[in-house]
Every structure is written in C-alpha cells, then in structure tokens.
Amino acid sequence: MNTFLKNLGDIFRYTFTSVTTVLIFLVLMFILNIGFWWSLIISVVIGAFFFYKQNDNKNNTPHQKLRKVSSEKEAFYKANGMDKEEIHFFRETMYTAKLQILTLEKNMNAVSKLKAIEQRNNTIHLVKSLFKEITAEPRRLHEVDKFLYVHLPSLTDLTNKYLEISQHEVKNKSTFTVLDQSATTIDEMCRLIAVDYVAFKSGDFDDMSLEVELAKKDIERDNGETNTIEDDEL
C-alpha cells in the first residue's frame, strides 16, 4: 500500500500522458457513455496496471550497455563539434530509438490490420530512413525531438497494446471498439511520422526547388539569347 501511495503521482502522470490510457478514457466516456468519473477511475486503474507492468519489464530485463564507440565514429562525432557528454547522449538516444524501431517493425508485421496501416503509410521505411539521416547529421538531433521522444515511442507503445488486446481469447463489443480506435490512432501517428520526415528533409526540398528555379532561368536566358541571334541573322 505504501509503495502504491508513493507511486501514485507517477501513476497519474503515466495515465494522463500515455496515448493508450487517454484513448481508453475517451472511448469509455464518449463511445460507451460510462460517465466522466467512472471513465477516469477505470483509466487510472488501467494506467496503474500498465505502469507496474512496464516497471516489472524494466527490472526483469538486463541492462544492455552501449558498445564502446569506435575510433572512426569518435573522430566523426568530434568533427561535428561534439564533446564526450554530447556523444554519449546522442548514442544512448539513438540506441533507444533503434530498439523501438525493431519492436515497431516486428509489431507492424504481426497482424494484418497493422501491416495494412504500415504499407499505406510506408512507416517502417520512413523511420529507418530518418534514423539513418539523423546518424549522418548528429548536430540536427534537436530538430527531431517530437519524433524521438513522442511519436516513435508512442507508436511503439500503441502497437504493443494493440497486439496485447488482439490476443485476448475472449473478445466482446467493447474490445473490438478499442481495437478500432487504437488502429485509427496508430494510423494518425504514422502520418505524423511522415510529417516528421518531410520536416527534416525540407532543406533538401528547398534546395531542389531553388535548383529548379535557377535551371528555369538559365533555360529562359538561353532561349532569349537564341532568339536574339536568330533576329540578328535575319
């Protein structure tokens, strides 16, 4: 009981920041019409369950340390103006993202519904491409805060919960409702990741647009000079 009270603040924080528990609250209140307080109580109970389960998984999983950075990679990071602390932070962040991407890919291929969503949004290709782009330009890490700390972990968490619920042996109407709502949210989160990718690559798109405009001007100038020459010859 003392442990529960001690963790109560963390449970509420988890409940109100987790996409899954917020989604459950909205389904209970607006779709099943259970009422505000009962929806809140049930959501907090579910949030507590997920919170303790998450902590148990962390405690039962041996901590995997990062491998020592190679001299070549270290030189690359230093050439980008990064000190030891920045290098360590960057590598830890990207290692966490790598594990989430591997889990996400496995989850997306586990059931036909998620596979269809992934194929429609090309999500795995985008997250892998964005991961590769970030590792190539570590100084731009701050530009992908939402991707690394909100969208990617939330999407991975949502797919974990979706698979967990879809594997229930007994399903009722509310179960299928939650699954449908979860699938819709997963689809929206995949679209946000596509937005993250486009935003990160926007500089390339701007450069390409500029090159196209310059090429057009060159063509117009060349055509103008050609017309002048032809007029002179006539």
C-alpha atoms as a PDB file:
ATOM      1  CA  MET A   1       0.000   0.000   0.000  1.00  0.00           C
ATOM      2  CA  ASN A   2       2.850   2.369   0.893  1.00  0.00           C
ATOM      3  CA  THR A   3       4.505   1.618  -2.438  1.00  0.00           C
ATOM      4  CA  PHE A   4       1.226   2.327  -4.223  1.00  0.00           C
ATOM      5  CA  LEU A   5       0.822   5.699  -2.465  1.00  0.00           C
ATOM      6  CA  LYS A   6       4.449   6.535  -3.162  1.00  0.00           C
ATOM      7  CA  ASN A   7       3.958   5.811  -6.863  1.00  0.00           C
ATOM      8  CA  LEU A   8       0.518   7.452  -7.066  1.00  0.00           C
ATOM      9  CA  GLY A   9       1.889  10.637  -8.628  1.00  0.00           C
ATOM     10  CA  ASP A  10       3.809   8.615 -11.211  1.00  0.00           C
ATOM     11  CA  ILE A  11       0.678   6.562 -11.964  1.00  0.00           C
ATOM     12  CA  PHE A  12      -1.413   9.695 -12.592  1.00  0.00           C
ATOM     13  CA  ARG A  13       1.383  11.179 -14.703  1.00  0.00           C
ATOM     14  CA  TYR A  14       1.609   7.984 -16.742  1.00  0.00           C
ATOM     15  CA  THR A  15      -2.190   7.787 -17.122  1.00  0.00           C
ATOM     16  CA  PHE A  16      -2.562  11.343 -18.417  1.00  0.00           C
ATOM     17  CA  THR A  17       0.487  11.259 -20.706  1.00  0.00           C
ATOM     18  CA  SER A  18       0.116   7.780 -22.190  1.00  0.00           C
ATOM     19  CA  VAL A  19      -1.644   7.799 -25.558  1.00  0.00           C
ATOM     20  CA  THR A  20      -3.173   4.394 -24.772  1.00  0.00           C
ATOM     21  CA  THR A  21      -4.797   5.333 -21.460  1.00  0.00           C
ATOM     22  CA  VAL A  22      -6.046   8.678 -22.819  1.00  0.00           C
ATOM     23  CA  LEU A  23      -7.582   6.787 -25.723  1.00  0.00           C
ATOM     24  CA  ILE A  24      -9.239   4.330 -23.329  1.00  0.00           C
ATOM     25  CA  PHE A  25     -10.669   7.240 -21.316  1.00  0.00           C
ATOM     26  CA  LEU A  26     -12.144   8.839 -24.460  1.00  0.00           C
ATOM     27  CA  VAL A  27     -13.671   5.550 -25.609  1.00  0.00           C
ATOM     28  CA  LEU A  28     -15.220   4.889 -22.190  1.00  0.00           C
ATOM     29  CA  MET A  29     -16.626   8.390 -21.856  1.00  0.00           C
ATOM     30  CA  PHE A  30     -17.796   9.294 -25.357  1.00  0.00           C
ATOM     31  CA  ILE A  31     -18.435   5.962 -27.060  1.00  0.00           C
ATOM     32  CA  LEU A  32     -19.564   3.728 -24.199  1.00  0.00           C
ATOM     33  CA  ASN A  33     -21.112   6.672 -22.267  1.00  0.00           C
ATOM     34  CA  ILE A  34     -19.944   5.401 -18.884  1.00  0.00           C
ATOM     35  CA  GLY A  35     -19.628   8.899 -17.425  1.00  0.00           C
ATOM     36  CA  PHE A  36     -16.699  11.131 -16.548  1.00  0.00           C
ATOM     37  CA  TRP A  37     -15.799   9.825 -13.074  1.00  0.00           C
ATOM     38  CA  TRP A  38     -16.147   6.111 -13.851  1.00  0.00           C
ATOM     39  CA  SER A  39     -14.174   6.611 -17.071  1.00  0.00           C
ATOM     40  CA  LEU A  40     -11.469   8.407 -15.085  1.00  0.00           C
ATOM     41  CA  ILE A  41     -11.329   5.726 -12.372  1.00  0.00           C
ATOM     42  CA  ILE A  42     -11.144   2.867 -14.886  1.00  0.00           C
ATOM     43  CA  SER A  43      -8.470   4.705 -16.892  1.00  0.00           C
ATOM     44  CA  VAL A  44      -6.355   5.289 -13.759  1.00  0.00           C
ATOM     45  CA  VAL A  45      -6.674   1.601 -12.776  1.00  0.00           C
ATOM     46  CA  ILE A  46      -5.593   0.529 -16.259  1.00  0.00           C
ATOM     47  CA  GLY A  47      -2.819   3.138 -16.159  1.00  0.00           C
ATOM     48  CA  ALA A  48      -1.611   1.688 -12.825  1.00  0.00           C
ATOM     49  CA  PHE A  49      -1.592  -1.813 -14.346  1.00  0.00           C
ATOM     50  CA  PHE A  50       0.457  -0.680 -17.354  1.00  0.00           C
ATOM     51  CA  PHE A  51       2.745   1.407 -15.114  1.00  0.00           C
ATOM     52  CA  TYR A  52       3.640  -1.537 -12.845  1.00  0.00           C
ATOM     53  CA  LYS A  53       3.940  -3.910 -15.794  1.00  0.00           C
ATOM     54  CA  GLN A  54       6.319  -1.500 -17.518  1.00  0.00           C
ATOM     55  CA  ASN A  55       8.451  -1.216 -14.388  1.00  0.00           C
ATOM     56  CA  ASP A  56       8.495  -5.014 -13.968  1.00  0.00           C
ATOM     57  CA  ASN A  57       9.716  -5.393 -17.542  1.00  0.00           C
ATOM     58  CA  LYS A  58      12.473  -2.863 -16.889  1.00  0.00           C
ATOM     59  CA  ASN A  59      13.546  -4.648 -13.701  1.00  0.00           C
ATOM     60  CA  ASN A  60      13.489  -8.092 -15.289  1.00  0.00           C
ATOM     61  CA  THR A  61      15.372  -7.051 -18.417  1.00  0.00           C
ATOM     62  CA  PRO A  62      19.146  -6.962 -18.013  1.00  0.00           C
ATOM     63  CA  HIS A  63      20.554  -3.516 -18.794  1.00  0.00           C
ATOM     64  CA  GLN A  64      22.317  -3.549 -22.120  1.00  0.00           C
ATOM     65  CA  LYS A  65      25.288  -1.237 -22.253  1.00  0.00           C
ATOM     66  CA  LEU A  66      26.374   0.570 -25.358  1.00  0.00           C
ATOM     67  CA  ARG A  67      29.373  -0.843 -27.052  1.00  0.00           C
ATOM     68  CA  LYS A  68      32.478   1.291 -26.930  1.00  0.00           C
ATOM     69  CA  VAL A  69      32.492   3.849 -29.710  1.00  0.00           C
ATOM     70  CA  SER A  70      34.957   3.076 -32.478  1.00  0.00           C
ATOM     71  CA  SER A  71      37.848   5.462 -33.117  1.00  0.00           C
ATOM     72  CA  GLU A  72      36.427   6.190 -36.576  1.00  0.00           C
ATOM     73  CA  LYS A  73      32.998   7.092 -35.172  1.00  0.00           C
ATOM     74  CA  GLU A  74      34.530   9.121 -32.362  1.00  0.00           C
ATOM     75  CA  ALA A  75      36.503  11.121 -34.920  1.00  0.00           C
ATOM     76  CA  PHE A  76      33.288  11.653 -36.902  1.00  0.00           C
ATOM     77  CA  TYR A  77      31.455  12.983 -33.824  1.00  0.00           C
ATOM     78  CA  LYS A  78      34.347  15.250 -32.874  1.00  0.00           C
ATOM     79  CA  ALA A  79      34.498  16.578 -36.431  1.00  0.00           C
ATOM     80  CA  ASN A  80      30.872  17.618 -35.861  1.00  0.00           C
ATOM     81  CA  GLY A  81      31.952  19.607 -32.808  1.00  0.00           C
ATOM     82  CA  MET A  82      30.587  17.183 -30.182  1.00  0.00           C
ATOM     83  CA  ASP A  83      32.209  16.676 -26.789  1.00  0.00           C
ATOM     84  CA  LYS A  84      32.170  13.428 -24.752  1.00  0.00           C
ATOM     85  CA  GLU A  85      28.878  14.138 -22.994  1.00  0.00           C
ATOM     86  CA  GLU A  86      27.136  15.044 -26.246  1.00  0.00           C
ATOM     87  CA  ILE A  87      28.481  11.917 -27.931  1.00  0.00           C
ATOM     88  CA  HIS A  88      27.257   9.716 -25.071  1.00  0.00           C
ATOM     89  CA  PHE A  89      23.827  11.350 -25.021  1.00  0.00           C
ATOM     90  CA  PHE A  90      23.462  11.061 -28.800  1.00  0.00           C
ATOM     91  CA  ARG A  91      24.475   7.392 -28.867  1.00  0.00           C
ATOM     92  CA  GLU A  92      22.127   6.477 -25.988  1.00  0.00           C
ATOM     93  CA  THR A  93      19.231   8.318 -27.641  1.00  0.00           C
ATOM     94  CA  MET A  94      19.795   6.622 -30.985  1.00  0.00           C
ATOM     95  CA  TYR A  95      20.258   3.210 -29.366  1.00  0.00           C
ATOM     96  CA  THR A  96      16.872   3.578 -27.656  1.00  0.00           C
ATOM     97  CA  ALA A  97      15.332   4.649 -30.967  1.00  0.00           C
ATOM     98  CA  LYS A  98      16.898   1.623 -32.693  1.00  0.00           C
ATOM     99  CA  LEU A  99      15.301  -0.781 -30.200  1.00  0.00           C
ATOM    100  CA  GLN A 100      11.935   0.935 -30.627  1.00  0.00           C
ATOM    101  CA  ILE A 101      12.177   0.715 -34.423  1.00  0.00           C
ATOM    102  CA  LEU A 102      12.974  -3.010 -34.256  1.00  0.00           C
ATOM    103  CA  THR A 103       9.983  -3.568 -31.947  1.00  0.00           C
ATOM    104  CA  LEU A 104       7.746  -1.434 -34.147  1.00  0.00           C
ATOM    105  CA  GLU A 105       8.724  -3.347 -37.278  1.00  0.00           C
ATOM    106  CA  LYS A 106       8.007  -6.666 -35.554  1.00  0.00           C
ATOM    107  CA  ASN A 107       4.630  -5.428 -34.279  1.00  0.00           C
ATOM    108  CA  MET A 108       3.560  -3.983 -37.626  1.00  0.00           C
ATOM    109  CA  ASN A 109       4.161  -7.331 -39.318  1.00  0.00           C
ATOM    110  CA  ALA A 110       2.419  -9.337 -36.593  1.00  0.00           C
ATOM    111  CA  VAL A 111      -1.224  -8.791 -37.645  1.00  0.00           C
ATOM    112  CA  SER A 112      -2.847  -7.963 -40.982  1.00  0.00           C
ATOM    113  CA  LYS A 113      -4.538  -4.765 -39.701  1.00  0.00           C
ATOM    114  CA  LEU A 114      -1.256  -3.170 -38.591  1.00  0.00           C
ATOM    115  CA  LYS A 115       0.530  -4.436 -41.691  1.00  0.00           C
ATOM    116  CA  ALA A 116      -2.054  -2.694 -43.898  1.00  0.00           C
ATOM    117  CA  ILE A 117      -1.591   0.567 -41.956  1.00  0.00           C
ATOM    118  CA  GLU A 118       2.194   0.298 -42.275  1.00  0.00           C
ATOM    119  CA  GLN A 119       2.069  -0.352 -46.010  1.00  0.00           C
ATOM    120  CA  ARG A 120      -0.348   2.521 -46.569  1.00  0.00           C
ATOM    121  CA  ASN A 121       1.923   4.980 -44.746  1.00  0.00           C
ATOM    122  CA  ASN A 122       5.286   3.372 -45.597  1.00  0.00           C
ATOM    123  CA  THR A 123       6.119   3.856 -41.913  1.00  0.00           C
ATOM    124  CA  ILE A 124       8.997   1.419 -41.393  1.00  0.00           C
ATOM    125  CA  HIS A 125      10.864   2.716 -44.440  1.00  0.00           C
ATOM    126  CA  LEU A 126      10.405   6.298 -43.217  1.00  0.00           C
ATOM    127  CA  VAL A 127      11.546   5.654 -39.631  1.00  0.00           C
ATOM    128  CA  LYS A 128      14.606   3.734 -40.838  1.00  0.00           C
ATOM    129  CA  SER A 129      15.452   6.450 -43.366  1.00  0.00           C
ATOM    130  CA  LEU A 130      15.026   9.178 -40.737  1.00  0.00           C
ATOM    131  CA  PHE A 131      17.179   7.197 -38.289  1.00  0.00           C
ATOM    132  CA  LYS A 132      19.903   6.946 -40.929  1.00  0.00           C
ATOM    133  CA  GLU A 133      19.655  10.660 -41.724  1.00  0.00           C
ATOM    134  CA  ILE A 134      19.996  11.611 -38.037  1.00  0.00           C
ATOM    135  CA  THR A 135      23.056   9.395 -37.516  1.00  0.00           C
ATOM    136  CA  ALA A 136      24.643  11.062 -40.536  1.00  0.00           C
ATOM    137  CA  GLU A 137      23.888  14.549 -39.146  1.00  0.00           C
ATOM    138  CA  PRO A 138      24.086  14.244 -35.334  1.00  0.00           C
ATOM    139  CA  ARG A 139      24.088  18.014 -34.834  1.00  0.00           C
ATOM    140  CA  ARG A 140      20.457  18.094 -36.040  1.00  0.00           C
ATOM    141  CA  LEU A 141      19.228  15.878 -33.199  1.00  0.00           C
ATOM    142  CA  HIS A 142      17.224  18.750 -31.693  1.00  0.00           C
ATOM    143  CA  GLU A 143      15.177  19.006 -34.908  1.00  0.00           C
ATOM    144  CA  VAL A 144      13.600  15.590 -34.338  1.00  0.00           C
ATOM    145  CA  ASP A 145      12.556  15.917 -30.679  1.00  0.00           C
ATOM    146  CA  LYS A 146       8.925  15.068 -31.399  1.00  0.00           C
ATOM    147  CA  PHE A 147       9.885  12.047 -33.496  1.00  0.00           C
ATOM    148  CA  LEU A 148      12.329  10.587 -30.971  1.00  0.00           C
ATOM    149  CA  TYR A 149      10.588  11.431 -27.699  1.00  0.00           C
ATOM    150  CA  VAL A 150       6.868  11.466 -28.596  1.00  0.00           C
ATOM    151  CA  HIS A 151       5.826   9.964 -31.923  1.00  0.00           C
ATOM    152  CA  LEU A 152       8.151   6.941 -32.182  1.00  0.00           C
ATOM    153  CA  PRO A 153       7.795   5.746 -28.545  1.00  0.00           C
ATOM    154  CA  SER A 154       4.035   6.418 -28.541  1.00  0.00           C
ATOM    155  CA  LEU A 155       3.546   4.486 -31.778  1.00  0.00           C
ATOM    156  CA  THR A 156       5.628   1.591 -30.468  1.00  0.00           C
ATOM    157  CA  ASP A 157       3.669   1.587 -27.211  1.00  0.00           C
ATOM    158  CA  LEU A 158       0.341   1.698 -29.059  1.00  0.00           C
ATOM    159  CA  THR A 159       1.254  -1.259 -31.257  1.00  0.00           C
ATOM    160  CA  ASN A 160       2.371  -3.202 -28.168  1.00  0.00           C
ATOM    161  CA  LYS A 161      -1.003  -2.596 -26.514  1.00  0.00           C
ATOM    162  CA  TYR A 162      -2.881  -3.360 -29.753  1.00  0.00           C
ATOM    163  CA  LEU A 163      -1.203  -6.759 -30.033  1.00  0.00           C
ATOM    164  CA  GLU A 164      -1.793  -7.466 -26.359  1.00  0.00           C
ATOM    165  CA  ILE A 165      -5.534  -6.733 -26.638  1.00  0.00           C
ATOM    166  CA  SER A 166      -5.907  -8.522 -30.007  1.00  0.00           C
ATOM    167  CA  GLN A 167      -4.518 -11.694 -28.445  1.00  0.00           C
ATOM    168  CA  HIS A 168      -7.248 -11.882 -25.807  1.00  0.00           C
ATOM    169  CA  GLU A 169      -9.028 -15.216 -26.149  1.00  0.00           C
ATOM    170  CA  VAL A 170     -12.422 -13.718 -25.289  1.00  0.00           C
ATOM    171  CA  LYS A 171     -13.430 -10.528 -27.100  1.00  0.00           C
ATOM    172  CA  ASN A 172     -16.632  -8.525 -26.724  1.00  0.00           C
ATOM    173  CA  LYS A 173     -18.053  -5.453 -28.440  1.00  0.00           C
ATOM    174  CA  SER A 174     -16.025  -3.027 -26.322  1.00  0.00           C
ATOM    175  CA  THR A 175     -12.825  -4.948 -27.136  1.00  0.00           C
ATOM    176  CA  PHE A 176     -13.375  -4.533 -30.875  1.00  0.00           C
ATOM    177  CA  THR A 177     -14.283  -0.870 -30.335  1.00  0.00           C
ATOM    178  CA  VAL A 178     -10.993  -0.256 -28.512  1.00  0.00           C
ATOM    179  CA  LEU A 179      -9.088  -2.097 -31.235  1.00  0.00           C
ATOM    180  CA  ASP A 180     -10.731   0.004 -33.960  1.00  0.00           C
ATOM    181  CA  GLN A 181      -9.999   3.236 -32.091  1.00  0.00           C
ATOM    182  CA  SER A 182      -6.416   2.110 -31.476  1.00  0.00           C
ATOM    183  CA  ALA A 183      -5.950   1.300 -35.171  1.00  0.00           C
ATOM    184  CA  THR A 184      -7.216   4.776 -36.096  1.00  0.00           C
ATOM    185  CA  THR A 185      -4.797   6.389 -33.631  1.00  0.00           C
ATOM    186  CA  ILE A 186      -1.917   4.255 -34.936  1.00  0.00           C
ATOM    187  CA  ASP A 187      -2.768   5.354 -38.467  1.00  0.00           C
ATOM    188  CA  GLU A 188      -2.724   9.022 -37.388  1.00  0.00           C
ATOM    189  CA  MET A 189       0.590   8.532 -35.578  1.00  0.00           C
ATOM    190  CA  CYS A 190       2.085   7.016 -38.731  1.00  0.00           C
ATOM    191  CA  ARG A 191       1.029  10.132 -40.634  1.00  0.00           C
ATOM    192  CA  LEU A 192       2.724  12.322 -38.010  1.00  0.00           C
ATOM    193  CA  ILE A 193       5.936  10.377 -38.530  1.00  0.00           C
ATOM    194  CA  ALA A 194       5.659  11.080 -42.263  1.00  0.00           C
ATOM    195  CA  VAL A 195       5.335  14.772 -41.361  1.00  0.00           C
ATOM    196  CA  ASP A 196       8.466  14.446 -39.173  1.00  0.00           C
ATOM    197  CA  TYR A 197      10.371  13.005 -42.117  1.00  0.00           C
ATOM    198  CA  VAL A 198       9.253  15.723 -44.543  1.00  0.00           C
ATOM    199  CA  ALA A 199      10.107  18.435 -41.988  1.00  0.00           C
ATOM    200  CA  PHE A 200      13.618  17.020 -41.504  1.00  0.00           C
ATOM    201  CA  LYS A 201      14.171  16.784 -45.255  1.00  0.00           C
ATOM    202  CA  SER A 202      12.573  20.167 -46.029  1.00  0.00           C
ATOM    203  CA  GLY A 203      16.012  21.704 -46.563  1.00  0.00           C
ATOM    204  CA  ASP A 204      16.664  19.252 -49.386  1.00  0.00           C
ATOM    205  CA  PHE A 205      13.292  20.051 -50.916  1.00  0.00           C
ATOM    206  CA  ASP A 206      14.033  23.795 -50.692  1.00  0.00           C
ATOM    207  CA  ASP A 207      17.435  23.284 -52.332  1.00  0.00           C
ATOM    208  CA  MET A 208      15.815  21.241 -55.088  1.00  0.00           C
ATOM    209  CA  SER A 209      13.171  23.929 -55.674  1.00  0.00           C
ATOM    210  CA  LEU A 210      15.897  26.571 -55.859  1.00  0.00           C
ATOM    211  CA  GLU A 211      17.861  24.498 -58.365  1.00  0.00           C
ATOM    212  CA  VAL A 212      14.740  24.025 -60.480  1.00  0.00           C
ATOM    213  CA  GLU A 213      14.071  27.776 -60.467  1.00  0.00           C
ATOM    214  CA  LEU A 214      17.686  28.536 -61.422  1.00  0.00           C
ATOM    215  CA  ALA A 215      17.517  25.946 -64.193  1.00  0.00           C
ATOM    216  CA  LYS A 216      14.322  27.543 -65.500  1.00  0.00           C
ATOM    217  CA  LYS A 217      16.005  30.973 -65.565  1.00  0.00           C
ATOM    218  CA  ASP A 218      19.021  29.530 -67.380  1.00  0.00           C
ATOM    219  CA  ILE A 219      16.724  27.969 -69.976  1.00  0.00           C
ATOM    220  CA  GLU A 220      14.797  31.240 -70.395  1.00  0.00           C
ATOM    221  CA  ARG A 221      18.065  33.178 -70.764  1.00  0.00           C
ATOM    222  CA  ASP A 222      19.420  30.692 -73.276  1.00  0.00           C
ATOM    223  CA  ASN A 223      16.174  30.858 -75.258  1.00  0.00           C
ATOM    224  CA  GLY A 224      16.337  34.655 -75.198  1.00  0.00           C
ATOM    225  CA  GLU A 225      19.906  34.666 -76.485  1.00  0.00           C
ATOM    226  CA  THR A 226      18.986  32.182 -79.215  1.00  0.00           C
ATOM    227  CA  ASN A 227      16.079  34.358 -80.336  1.00  0.00           C
ATOM    228  CA  THR A 228      18.351  37.432 -80.424  1.00  0.00           C
ATOM    229  CA  ILE A 229      20.889  35.605 -82.582  1.00  0.00           C
ATOM    230  CA  GLU A 230      18.180  34.433 -84.965  1.00  0.00           C
ATOM    231  CA  ASP A 231      16.791  38.009 -85.264  1.00  0.00           C
ATOM    232  CA  ASP A 232      20.293  39.338 -85.982  1.00  0.00           C
ATOM    233  CA  GLU A 233      20.848  36.736 -88.677  1.00  0.00           C
ATOM    234  CA  LEU A 234      17.536  37.630 -90.304  1.00  0.00           C
END
